[in-house]
Amino acid sequence: MTQKILQINFKFTEPTAAEHLKLVAPFADAIAAVPGLTWKVWIINDKAHEAGGIYLFKDEASVNAYLRGEIISGFKKQPTVKDIATKVFDVVEDMSLKTRAPLKTLVPA
């Protein structure tokens, strides 16, 4: 079982990052409850009107379910979001742990 990183980047059209964050803040609890999600780091660049997230999922099935799920499908329908890009990566656990990445060592099922 290989942990997966999901990287999502997009442009927001609200005038400021604060306005964008106010709009997306209510989704934090739903995202926190996603099965298989270990953590999410929210990222934003006010000047470039870019935002996104870096997510750690326990496995490929979890990240794929999230990408096909209601949260992402609803997000894609938001009129204030455009140019959504998603990328999925394998986690290189041994080197990441050496550099203090916040990973949980998983025990195979």
PDB file of N, CA and C in Angstrom:
ATOM      1  N   MET A   1       0.857  -1.182   0.000  1.00  0.00           N
ATOM      2  CA  MET A   1       0.000   0.000   0.000  1.00  0.00           C
ATOM      3  C   MET A   1       0.893   1.231   0.000  1.00  0.00           C
ATOM      4  N   THR A   2       0.775   2.068  -1.005  1.00  0.00           N
ATOM      5  CA  THR A   2       1.582   3.277  -1.114  1.00  0.00           C
ATOM      6  C   THR A   2       0.715   4.497  -0.837  1.00  0.00           C
ATOM      7  N   GLN A   3       1.174   5.326   0.092  1.00  0.00           N
ATOM      8  CA  GLN A   3       0.470   6.570   0.351  1.00  0.00           C
ATOM      9  C   GLN A   3       0.559   7.450  -0.894  1.00  0.00           C
ATOM     10  N   LYS A   4      -0.436   8.300  -1.066  1.00  0.00           N
ATOM     11  CA  LYS A   4      -0.516   9.159  -2.249  1.00  0.00           C
ATOM     12  C   LYS A   4      -0.632  10.619  -1.836  1.00  0.00           C
ATOM     13  N   ILE A   5       0.055  11.445  -2.594  1.00  0.00           N
ATOM     14  CA  ILE A   5      -0.109  12.895  -2.480  1.00  0.00           C
ATOM     15  C   ILE A   5      -0.998  13.348  -3.634  1.00  0.00           C
ATOM     16  N   LEU A   6      -1.997  14.137  -3.306  1.00  0.00           N
ATOM     17  CA  LEU A   6      -2.831  14.789  -4.311  1.00  0.00           C
ATOM     18  C   LEU A   6      -2.511  16.270  -4.258  1.00  0.00           C
ATOM     19  N   GLN A   7      -2.197  16.836  -5.404  1.00  0.00           N
ATOM     20  CA  GLN A   7      -1.951  18.274  -5.517  1.00  0.00           C
ATOM     21  C   GLN A   7      -3.048  18.858  -6.384  1.00  0.00           C
ATOM     22  N   ILE A   8      -3.767  19.830  -5.845  1.00  0.00           N
ATOM     23  CA  ILE A   8      -4.798  20.536  -6.612  1.00  0.00           C
ATOM     24  C   ILE A   8      -4.440  22.015  -6.618  1.00  0.00           C
ATOM     25  N   ASN A   9      -4.412  22.597  -7.802  1.00  0.00           N
ATOM     26  CA  ASN A   9      -4.175  24.026  -7.968  1.00  0.00           C
ATOM     27  C   ASN A   9      -5.281  24.590  -8.847  1.00  0.00           C
ATOM     28  N   PHE A  10      -5.639  25.850  -8.594  1.00  0.00           N
ATOM     29  CA  PHE A  10      -6.669  26.500  -9.398  1.00  0.00           C
ATOM     30  C   PHE A  10      -6.551  28.008  -9.240  1.00  0.00           C
ATOM     31  N   LYS A  11      -7.252  28.716 -10.099  1.00  0.00           N
ATOM     32  CA  LYS A  11      -7.364  30.172 -10.021  1.00  0.00           C
ATOM     33  C   LYS A  11      -8.714  30.499  -9.388  1.00  0.00           C
ATOM     34  N   PHE A  12      -8.741  31.523  -8.552  1.00  0.00           N
ATOM     35  CA  PHE A  12     -10.007  31.994  -7.998  1.00  0.00           C
ATOM     36  C   PHE A  12     -10.284  33.401  -8.514  1.00  0.00           C
ATOM     37  N   THR A  13     -11.568  33.738  -8.646  1.00  0.00           N
ATOM     38  CA  THR A  13     -11.941  35.023  -9.233  1.00  0.00           C
ATOM     39  C   THR A  13     -12.441  36.035  -8.213  1.00  0.00           C
ATOM     40  N   GLU A  14     -12.547  35.641  -6.937  1.00  0.00           N
ATOM     41  CA  GLU A  14     -12.920  36.625  -5.932  1.00  0.00           C
ATOM     42  C   GLU A  14     -11.832  37.702  -5.908  1.00  0.00           C
ATOM     43  N   PRO A  15     -12.193  38.919  -5.500  1.00  0.00           N
ATOM     44  CA  PRO A  15     -11.204  40.013  -5.501  1.00  0.00           C
ATOM     45  C   PRO A  15     -10.006  39.794  -4.577  1.00  0.00           C
ATOM     46  N   THR A  16     -10.203  39.083  -3.465  1.00  0.00           N
ATOM     47  CA  THR A  16      -9.103  38.879  -2.517  1.00  0.00           C
ATOM     48  C   THR A  16      -9.068  37.436  -2.029  1.00  0.00           C
ATOM     49  N   ALA A  17      -7.914  37.054  -1.502  1.00  0.00           N
ATOM     50  CA  ALA A  17      -7.777  35.723  -0.904  1.00  0.00           C
ATOM     51  C   ALA A  17      -8.713  35.572   0.280  1.00  0.00           C
ATOM     52  N   ALA A  18      -8.872  36.633   1.066  1.00  0.00           N
ATOM     53  CA  ALA A  18      -9.763  36.567   2.234  1.00  0.00           C
ATOM     54  C   ALA A  18     -11.190  36.226   1.811  1.00  0.00           C
ATOM     55  N   GLU A  19     -11.648  36.821   0.724  1.00  0.00           N
ATOM     56  CA  GLU A  19     -12.997  36.516   0.237  1.00  0.00           C
ATOM     57  C   GLU A  19     -13.095  35.074  -0.255  1.00  0.00           C
ATOM     58  N   HIS A  20     -12.056  34.613  -0.925  1.00  0.00           N
ATOM     59  CA  HIS A  20     -12.051  33.223  -1.384  1.00  0.00           C
ATOM     60  C   HIS A  20     -12.078  32.273  -0.186  1.00  0.00           C
ATOM     61  N   LEU A  21     -11.251  32.545   0.812  1.00  0.00           N
ATOM     62  CA  LEU A  21     -11.199  31.661   1.983  1.00  0.00           C
ATOM     63  C   LEU A  21     -12.523  31.640   2.729  1.00  0.00           C
ATOM     64  N   LYS A  22     -13.203  32.754   2.786  1.00  0.00           N
ATOM     65  CA  LYS A  22     -14.525  32.804   3.421  1.00  0.00           C
ATOM     66  C   LYS A  22     -15.507  31.893   2.683  1.00  0.00           C
ATOM     67  N   LEU A  23     -15.390  31.846   1.369  1.00  0.00           N
ATOM     68  CA  LEU A  23     -16.271  31.013   0.558  1.00  0.00           C
ATOM     69  C   LEU A  23     -15.984  29.520   0.758  1.00  0.00           C
ATOM     70  N   VAL A  24     -14.717  29.133   0.855  1.00  0.00           N
ATOM     71  CA  VAL A  24     -14.371  27.713   0.932  1.00  0.00           C
ATOM     72  C   VAL A  24     -14.265  27.170   2.355  1.00  0.00           C
ATOM     73  N   ALA A  25     -14.185  28.029   3.358  1.00  0.00           N
ATOM     74  CA  ALA A  25     -14.035  27.576   4.745  1.00  0.00           C
ATOM     75  C   ALA A  25     -15.089  26.556   5.176  1.00  0.00           C
ATOM     76  N   PRO A  26     -16.350  26.691   4.769  1.00  0.00           N
ATOM     77  CA  PRO A  26     -17.341  25.705   5.197  1.00  0.00           C
ATOM     78  C   PRO A  26     -17.069  24.277   4.709  1.00  0.00           C
ATOM     79  N   PHE A  27     -16.202  24.111   3.722  1.00  0.00           N
ATOM     80  CA  PHE A  27     -15.905  22.777   3.199  1.00  0.00           C
ATOM     81  C   PHE A  27     -14.838  22.042   4.011  1.00  0.00           C
ATOM     82  N   ALA A  28     -14.178  22.730   4.925  1.00  0.00           N
ATOM     83  CA  ALA A  28     -13.081  22.120   5.681  1.00  0.00           C
ATOM     84  C   ALA A  28     -13.538  20.892   6.469  1.00  0.00           C
ATOM     85  N   ASP A  29     -14.681  20.972   7.127  1.00  0.00           N
ATOM     86  CA  ASP A  29     -15.154  19.826   7.911  1.00  0.00           C
ATOM     87  C   ASP A  29     -15.470  18.626   7.028  1.00  0.00           C
ATOM     88  N   ALA A  30     -16.108  18.870   5.892  1.00  0.00           N
ATOM     89  CA  ALA A  30     -16.435  17.764   4.974  1.00  0.00           C
ATOM     90  C   ALA A  30     -15.154  17.125   4.431  1.00  0.00           C
ATOM     91  N   ILE A  31     -14.174  17.935   4.113  1.00  0.00           N
ATOM     92  CA  ILE A  31     -12.901  17.404   3.608  1.00  0.00           C
ATOM     93  C   ILE A  31     -12.194  16.618   4.710  1.00  0.00           C
ATOM     94  N   ALA A  32     -12.218  17.128   5.923  1.00  0.00           N
ATOM     95  CA  ALA A  32     -11.574  16.433   7.043  1.00  0.00           C
ATOM     96  C   ALA A  32     -12.168  15.046   7.277  1.00  0.00           C
ATOM     97  N   ALA A  33     -13.424  14.863   6.911  1.00  0.00           N
ATOM     98  CA  ALA A  33     -14.112  13.584   7.125  1.00  0.00           C
ATOM     99  C   ALA A  33     -13.975  12.607   5.960  1.00  0.00           C
ATOM    100  N   VAL A  34     -13.237  12.972   4.928  1.00  0.00           N
ATOM    101  CA  VAL A  34     -13.093  12.105   3.750  1.00  0.00           C
ATOM    102  C   VAL A  34     -12.364  10.812   4.141  1.00  0.00           C
ATOM    103  N   PRO A  35     -12.946   9.662   3.824  1.00  0.00           N
ATOM    104  CA  PRO A  35     -12.279   8.391   4.139  1.00  0.00           C
ATOM    105  C   PRO A  35     -10.919   8.284   3.435  1.00  0.00           C
ATOM    106  N   GLY A  36      -9.914   7.883   4.195  1.00  0.00           N
ATOM    107  CA  GLY A  36      -8.585   7.687   3.635  1.00  0.00           C
ATOM    108  C   GLY A  36      -7.710   8.917   3.624  1.00  0.00           C
ATOM    109  N   LEU A  37      -8.263  10.091   3.954  1.00  0.00           N
ATOM    110  CA  LEU A  37      -7.464  11.313   3.984  1.00  0.00           C
ATOM    111  C   LEU A  37      -6.731  11.395   5.321  1.00  0.00           C
ATOM    112  N   THR A  38      -5.412  11.555   5.264  1.00  0.00           N
ATOM    113  CA  THR A  38      -4.612  11.719   6.474  1.00  0.00           C
ATOM    114  C   THR A  38      -4.537  13.187   6.865  1.00  0.00           C
ATOM    115  N   TRP A  39      -4.256  14.058   5.885  1.00  0.00           N
ATOM    116  CA  TRP A  39      -4.233  15.491   6.128  1.00  0.00           C
ATOM    117  C   TRP A  39      -4.331  16.255   4.814  1.00  0.00           C
ATOM    118  N   LYS A  40      -4.640  17.544   4.957  1.00  0.00           N
ATOM    119  CA  LYS A  40      -4.634  18.471   3.825  1.00  0.00           C
ATOM    120  C   LYS A  40      -3.978  19.762   4.277  1.00  0.00           C
ATOM    121  N   VAL A  41      -3.097  20.314   3.431  1.00  0.00           N
ATOM    122  CA  VAL A  41      -2.542  21.643   3.633  1.00  0.00           C
ATOM    123  C   VAL A  41      -3.213  22.547   2.599  1.00  0.00           C
ATOM    124  N   TRP A  42      -3.845  23.608   3.077  1.00  0.00           N
ATOM    125  CA  TRP A  42      -4.486  24.579   2.198  1.00  0.00           C
ATOM    126  C   TRP A  42      -3.432  25.593   1.770  1.00  0.00           C
ATOM    127  N   ILE A  43      -3.367  25.924   0.475  1.00  0.00           N
ATOM    128  CA  ILE A  43      -2.370  26.875  -0.029  1.00  0.00           C
ATOM    129  C   ILE A  43      -3.062  27.993  -0.800  1.00  0.00           C
ATOM    130  N   ILE A  44      -2.475  29.195  -0.724  1.00  0.00           N
ATOM    131  CA  ILE A  44      -3.078  30.332  -1.422  1.00  0.00           C
ATOM    132  C   ILE A  44      -2.002  31.365  -1.758  1.00  0.00           C
ATOM    133  N   ASN A  45      -2.179  32.033  -2.885  1.00  0.00           N
ATOM    134  CA  ASN A  45      -1.312  33.126  -3.325  1.00  0.00           C
ATOM    135  C   ASN A  45      -2.235  34.257  -3.755  1.00  0.00           C
ATOM    136  N   ASP A  46      -2.403  35.226  -2.874  1.00  0.00           N
ATOM    137  CA  ASP A  46      -3.349  36.313  -3.106  1.00  0.00           C
ATOM    138  C   ASP A  46      -3.012  37.104  -4.365  1.00  0.00           C
ATOM    139  N   LYS A  47      -1.732  37.438  -4.540  1.00  0.00           N
ATOM    140  CA  LYS A  47      -1.338  38.267  -5.680  1.00  0.00           C
ATOM    141  C   LYS A  47      -1.622  37.587  -7.019  1.00  0.00           C
ATOM    142  N   ALA A  48      -1.410  36.279  -7.095  1.00  0.00           N
ATOM    143  CA  ALA A  48      -1.617  35.550  -8.342  1.00  0.00           C
ATOM    144  C   ALA A  48      -3.031  34.991  -8.468  1.00  0.00           C
ATOM    145  N   HIS A  49      -3.858  35.179  -7.434  1.00  0.00           N
ATOM    146  CA  HIS A  49      -5.213  34.627  -7.403  1.00  0.00           C
ATOM    147  C   HIS A  49      -5.207  33.122  -7.639  1.00  0.00           C
ATOM    148  N   GLU A  50      -4.246  32.461  -6.998  1.00  0.00           N
ATOM    149  CA  GLU A  50      -4.126  31.004  -7.081  1.00  0.00           C
ATOM    150  C   GLU A  50      -4.320  30.403  -5.699  1.00  0.00           C
ATOM    151  N   ALA A  51      -4.878  29.218  -5.699  1.00  0.00           N
ATOM    152  CA  ALA A  51      -5.058  28.497  -4.441  1.00  0.00           C
ATOM    153  C   ALA A  51      -5.036  27.006  -4.739  1.00  0.00           C
ATOM    154  N   GLY A  52      -5.145  26.228  -3.688  1.00  0.00           N
ATOM    155  CA  GLY A  52      -5.177  24.787  -3.882  1.00  0.00           C
ATOM    156  C   GLY A  52      -4.942  24.062  -2.582  1.00  0.00           C
ATOM    157  N   GLY A  53      -4.476  22.840  -2.735  1.00  0.00           N
ATOM    158  CA  GLY A  53      -4.212  22.033  -1.557  1.00  0.00           C
ATOM    159  C   GLY A  53      -3.250  20.912  -1.874  1.00  0.00           C
ATOM    160  N   ILE A  54      -2.567  20.491  -0.823  1.00  0.00           N
ATOM    161  CA  ILE A  54      -1.707  19.314  -0.874  1.00  0.00           C
ATOM    162  C   ILE A  54      -2.312  18.337   0.124  1.00  0.00           C
ATOM    163  N   TYR A  55      -2.666  17.161  -0.345  1.00  0.00           N
ATOM    164  CA  TYR A  55      -3.372  16.172   0.466  1.00  0.00           C
ATOM    165  C   TYR A  55      -2.516  14.916   0.581  1.00  0.00           C
ATOM    166  N   LEU A  56      -2.595  14.268   1.722  1.00  0.00           N
ATOM    167  CA  LEU A  56      -1.993  12.948   1.891  1.00  0.00           C
ATOM    168  C   LEU A  56      -3.117  11.945   2.090  1.00  0.00           C
ATOM    169  N   PHE A  57      -3.177  10.955   1.194  1.00  0.00           N
ATOM    170  CA  PHE A  57      -4.161   9.877   1.277  1.00  0.00           C
ATOM    171  C   PHE A  57      -3.452   8.571   1.596  1.00  0.00           C
ATOM    172  N   LYS A  58      -4.172   7.679   2.243  1.00  0.00           N
ATOM    173  CA  LYS A  58      -3.564   6.409   2.654  1.00  0.00           C
ATOM    174  C   LYS A  58      -3.275   5.495   1.479  1.00  0.00           C
ATOM    175  N   ASP A  59      -4.027   5.648   0.373  1.00  0.00           N
ATOM    176  CA  ASP A  59      -3.813   4.753  -0.771  1.00  0.00           C
ATOM    177  C   ASP A  59      -4.478   5.315  -2.024  1.00  0.00           C
ATOM    178  N   GLU A  60      -4.239   4.634  -3.135  1.00  0.00           N
ATOM    179  CA  GLU A  60      -4.763   5.069  -4.432  1.00  0.00           C
ATOM    180  C   GLU A  60      -6.278   5.021  -4.486  1.00  0.00           C
ATOM    181  N   ALA A  61      -6.881   4.000  -3.892  1.00  0.00           N
ATOM    182  CA  ALA A  61      -8.345   3.890  -3.908  1.00  0.00           C
ATOM    183  C   ALA A  61      -8.986   5.104  -3.226  1.00  0.00           C
ATOM    184  N   SER A  62      -8.402   5.550  -2.127  1.00  0.00           N
ATOM    185  CA  SER A  62      -8.950   6.702  -1.397  1.00  0.00           C
ATOM    186  C   SER A  62      -8.853   7.987  -2.204  1.00  0.00           C
ATOM    187  N   VAL A  63      -7.705   8.232  -2.806  1.00  0.00           N
ATOM    188  CA  VAL A  63      -7.548   9.459  -3.591  1.00  0.00           C
ATOM    189  C   VAL A  63      -8.455   9.427  -4.819  1.00  0.00           C
ATOM    190  N   ASN A  64      -8.585   8.282  -5.467  1.00  0.00           N
ATOM    191  CA  ASN A  64      -9.471   8.180  -6.633  1.00  0.00           C
ATOM    192  C   ASN A  64     -10.928   8.381  -6.246  1.00  0.00           C
ATOM    193  N   ALA A  65     -11.339   7.848  -5.104  1.00  0.00           N
ATOM    194  CA  ALA A  65     -12.716   8.039  -4.639  1.00  0.00           C
ATOM    195  C   ALA A  65     -12.982   9.519  -4.365  1.00  0.00           C
ATOM    196  N   TYR A  66     -12.014  10.198  -3.782  1.00  0.00           N
ATOM    197  CA  TYR A  66     -12.164  11.633  -3.515  1.00  0.00           C
ATOM    198  C   TYR A  66     -12.300  12.413  -4.822  1.00  0.00           C
ATOM    199  N   LEU A  67     -11.453  12.117  -5.783  1.00  0.00           N
ATOM    200  CA  LEU A  67     -11.498  12.828  -7.062  1.00  0.00           C
ATOM    201  C   LEU A  67     -12.806  12.596  -7.816  1.00  0.00           C
ATOM    202  N   ARG A  68     -13.440  11.443  -7.606  1.00  0.00           N
ATOM    203  CA  ARG A  68     -14.716  11.135  -8.260  1.00  0.00           C
ATOM    204  C   ARG A  68     -15.928  11.521  -7.401  1.00  0.00           C
ATOM    205  N   GLY A  69     -15.680  12.001  -6.200  1.00  0.00           N
ATOM    206  CA  GLY A  69     -16.753  12.227  -5.242  1.00  0.00           C
ATOM    207  C   GLY A  69     -17.455  13.572  -5.353  1.00  0.00           C
ATOM    208  N   GLU A  70     -18.386  13.763  -4.430  1.00  0.00           N
ATOM    209  CA  GLU A  70     -19.254  14.941  -4.425  1.00  0.00           C
ATOM    210  C   GLU A  70     -18.503  16.250  -4.158  1.00  0.00           C
ATOM    211  N   ILE A  71     -17.500  16.203  -3.307  1.00  0.00           N
ATOM    212  CA  ILE A  71     -16.792  17.450  -2.982  1.00  0.00           C
ATOM    213  C   ILE A  71     -16.131  18.023  -4.229  1.00  0.00           C
ATOM    214  N   ILE A  72     -15.406  17.198  -4.951  1.00  0.00           N
ATOM    215  CA  ILE A  72     -14.711  17.682  -6.153  1.00  0.00           C
ATOM    216  C   ILE A  72     -15.699  18.020  -7.265  1.00  0.00           C
ATOM    217  N   SER A  73     -16.733  17.212  -7.454  1.00  0.00           N
ATOM    218  CA  SER A  73     -17.695  17.531  -8.515  1.00  0.00           C
ATOM    219  C   SER A  73     -18.414  18.848  -8.216  1.00  0.00           C
ATOM    220  N   GLY A  74     -18.728  19.105  -6.949  1.00  0.00           N
ATOM    221  CA  GLY A  74     -19.337  20.379  -6.583  1.00  0.00           C
ATOM    222  C   GLY A  74     -18.372  21.537  -6.733  1.00  0.00           C
ATOM    223  N   PHE A  75     -17.122  21.311  -6.388  1.00  0.00           N
ATOM    224  CA  PHE A  75     -16.105  22.336  -6.508  1.00  0.00           C
ATOM    225  C   PHE A  75     -15.930  22.773  -7.962  1.00  0.00           C
ATOM    226  N   LYS A  76     -15.947  21.813  -8.867  1.00  0.00           N
ATOM    227  CA  LYS A  76     -15.768  22.121 -10.288  1.00  0.00           C
ATOM    228  C   LYS A  76     -16.910  22.961 -10.849  1.00  0.00           C
ATOM    229  N   LYS A  77     -18.050  22.975 -10.174  1.00  0.00           N
ATOM    230  CA  LYS A  77     -19.210  23.754 -10.617  1.00  0.00           C
ATOM    231  C   LYS A  77     -19.207  25.181 -10.074  1.00  0.00           C
ATOM    232  N   GLN A  78     -18.275  25.503  -9.182  1.00  0.00           N
ATOM    233  CA  GLN A  78     -18.218  26.839  -8.584  1.00  0.00           C
ATOM    234  C   GLN A  78     -17.860  27.880  -9.646  1.00  0.00           C
ATOM    235  N   PRO A  79     -18.662  28.930  -9.775  1.00  0.00           N
ATOM    236  CA  PRO A  79     -18.367  29.946 -10.793  1.00  0.00           C
ATOM    237  C   PRO A  79     -17.127  30.782 -10.495  1.00  0.00           C
ATOM    238  N   THR A  80     -16.633  30.743  -9.274  1.00  0.00           N
ATOM    239  CA  THR A  80     -15.467  31.561  -8.911  1.00  0.00           C
ATOM    240  C   THR A  80     -14.155  30.791  -8.981  1.00  0.00           C
ATOM    241  N   VAL A  81     -14.196  29.591  -9.548  1.00  0.00           N
ATOM    242  CA  VAL A  81     -13.015  28.738  -9.643  1.00  0.00           C
ATOM    243  C   VAL A  81     -12.786  28.385 -11.109  1.00  0.00           C
ATOM    244  N   LYS A  82     -11.530  28.455 -11.558  1.00  0.00           N
ATOM    245  CA  LYS A  82     -11.218  28.095 -12.946  1.00  0.00           C
ATOM    246  C   LYS A  82      -9.821  27.494 -13.008  1.00  0.00           C
ATOM    247  N   ASP A  83      -9.518  26.901 -14.134  1.00  0.00           N
ATOM    248  CA  ASP A  83      -8.190  26.322 -14.399  1.00  0.00           C
ATOM    249  C   ASP A  83      -7.760  25.329 -13.316  1.00  0.00           C
ATOM    250  N   ILE A  84      -8.649  24.408 -12.984  1.00  0.00           N
ATOM    251  CA  ILE A  84      -8.355  23.406 -11.958  1.00  0.00           C
ATOM    252  C   ILE A  84      -7.407  22.367 -12.536  1.00  0.00           C
ATOM    253  N   ALA A  85      -6.319  22.103 -11.806  1.00  0.00           N
ATOM    254  CA  ALA A  85      -5.352  21.078 -12.203  1.00  0.00           C
ATOM    255  C   ALA A  85      -5.150  20.132 -11.027  1.00  0.00           C
ATOM    256  N   THR A  86      -5.205  18.834 -11.309  1.00  0.00           N
ATOM    257  CA  THR A  86      -4.967  17.839 -10.269  1.00  0.00           C
ATOM    258  C   THR A  86      -3.827  16.922 -10.698  1.00  0.00           C
ATOM    259  N   LYS A  87      -2.998  16.543  -9.719  1.00  0.00           N
ATOM    260  CA  LYS A  87      -1.902  15.603  -9.955  1.00  0.00           C
ATOM    261  C   LYS A  87      -1.832  14.667  -8.767  1.00  0.00           C
ATOM    262  N   VAL A  88      -1.570  13.391  -9.038  1.00  0.00           N
ATOM    263  CA  VAL A  88      -1.418  12.397  -7.981  1.00  0.00           C
ATOM    264  C   VAL A  88       0.006  11.850  -8.041  1.00  0.00           C
ATOM    265  N   PHE A  89       0.633  11.744  -6.872  1.00  0.00           N
ATOM    266  CA  PHE A  89       2.007  11.270  -6.772  1.00  0.00           C
ATOM    267  C   PHE A  89       2.112  10.159  -5.735  1.00  0.00           C
ATOM    268  N   ASP A  90       3.043   9.232  -5.947  1.00  0.00           N
ATOM    269  CA  ASP A  90       3.415   8.271  -4.910  1.00  0.00           C
ATOM    270  C   ASP A  90       4.299   9.003  -3.899  1.00  0.00           C
ATOM    271  N   VAL A  91       4.210   8.591  -2.647  1.00  0.00           N
ATOM    272  CA  VAL A  91       5.055   9.147  -1.601  1.00  0.00           C
ATOM    273  C   VAL A  91       6.325   8.296  -1.497  1.00  0.00           C
ATOM    274  N   VAL A  92       7.471   8.936  -1.514  1.00  0.00           N
ATOM    275  CA  VAL A  92       8.748   8.259  -1.288  1.00  0.00           C
ATOM    276  C   VAL A  92       8.979   8.324   0.226  1.00  0.00           C
ATOM    277  N   GLU A  93       8.470   7.296   0.920  1.00  0.00           N
ATOM    278  CA  GLU A  93       8.391   7.350   2.369  1.00  0.00           C
ATOM    279  C   GLU A  93       9.745   7.411   3.066  1.00  0.00           C
ATOM    280  N   ASP A  94      10.710   6.596   2.664  1.00  0.00           N
ATOM    281  CA  ASP A  94      11.973   6.557   3.400  1.00  0.00           C
ATOM    282  C   ASP A  94      12.677   7.907   3.393  1.00  0.00           C
ATOM    283  N   MET A  95      12.789   8.528   2.246  1.00  0.00           N
ATOM    284  CA  MET A  95      13.458   9.827   2.168  1.00  0.00           C
ATOM    285  C   MET A  95      12.597  10.929   2.794  1.00  0.00           C
ATOM    286  N   SER A  96      11.281  10.836   2.640  1.00  0.00           N
ATOM    287  CA  SER A  96      10.387  11.832   3.235  1.00  0.00           C
ATOM    288  C   SER A  96      10.476  11.815   4.753  1.00  0.00           C
ATOM    289  N   LEU A  97      10.554  10.625   5.338  1.00  0.00           N
ATOM    290  CA  LEU A  97      10.692  10.527   6.791  1.00  0.00           C
ATOM    291  C   LEU A  97      12.017  11.114   7.269  1.00  0.00           C
ATOM    292  N   LYS A  98      13.076  10.934   6.490  1.00  0.00           N
ATOM    293  CA  LYS A  98      14.372  11.519   6.850  1.00  0.00           C
ATOM    294  C   LYS A  98      14.313  13.043   6.865  1.00  0.00           C
ATOM    295  N   THR A  99      13.477  13.610   6.021  1.00  0.00           N
ATOM    296  CA  THR A  99      13.371  15.070   5.954  1.00  0.00           C
ATOM    297  C   THR A  99      12.166  15.589   6.741  1.00  0.00           C
ATOM    298  N   ARG A 100      11.702  14.781   7.693  1.00  0.00           N
ATOM    299  CA  ARG A 100      10.669  15.140   8.665  1.00  0.00           C
ATOM    300  C   ARG A 100       9.287  15.387   8.067  1.00  0.00           C
ATOM    301  N   ALA A 101       8.950  14.724   6.994  1.00  0.00           N
ATOM    302  CA  ALA A 101       7.601  14.833   6.441  1.00  0.00           C
ATOM    303  C   ALA A 101       6.592  14.293   7.460  1.00  0.00           C
ATOM    304  N   PRO A 102       5.435  14.913   7.556  1.00  0.00           N
ATOM    305  CA  PRO A 102       4.435  14.468   8.535  1.00  0.00           C
ATOM    306  C   PRO A 102       3.663  13.239   8.039  1.00  0.00           C
ATOM    307  N   LEU A 103       4.378  12.124   7.924  1.00  0.00           N
ATOM    308  CA  LEU A 103       3.774  10.891   7.427  1.00  0.00           C
ATOM    309  C   LEU A 103       3.525   9.947   8.584  1.00  0.00           C
ATOM    310  N   LYS A 104       2.499   9.139   8.418  1.00  0.00           N
ATOM    311  CA  LYS A 104       2.262   8.033   9.338  1.00  0.00           C
ATOM    312  C   LYS A 104       2.730   6.782   8.624  1.00  0.00           C
ATOM    313  N   THR A 105       3.510   5.974   9.293  1.00  0.00           N
ATOM    314  CA  THR A 105       3.939   4.722   8.692  1.00  0.00           C
ATOM    315  C   THR A 105       2.758   3.782   8.697  1.00  0.00           C
ATOM    316  N   LEU A 106       2.379   3.294   7.524  1.00  0.00           N
ATOM    317  CA  LEU A 106       1.212   2.432   7.403  1.00  0.00           C
ATOM    318  C   LEU A 106       1.611   0.980   7.487  1.00  0.00           C
ATOM    319  N   VAL A 107       0.766   0.207   8.130  1.00  0.00           N
ATOM    320  CA  VAL A 107       0.961  -1.244   8.227  1.00  0.00           C
ATOM    321  C   VAL A 107       0.071  -1.876   7.178  1.00  0.00           C
ATOM    322  N   PRO A 108       0.608  -2.736   6.300  1.00  0.00           N
ATOM    323  CA  PRO A 108      -0.236  -3.369   5.284  1.00  0.00           C
ATOM    324  C   PRO A 108      -1.395  -4.134   5.919  1.00  0.00           C
ATOM    325  N   ALA A 109      -2.534  -4.083   5.254  1.00  0.00           N
ATOM    326  CA  ALA A 109      -3.748  -4.745   5.778  1.00  0.00           C
ATOM    327  C   ALA A 109      -3.645  -6.249   5.614  1.00  0.00           C
TER     328      ALA A 109
END
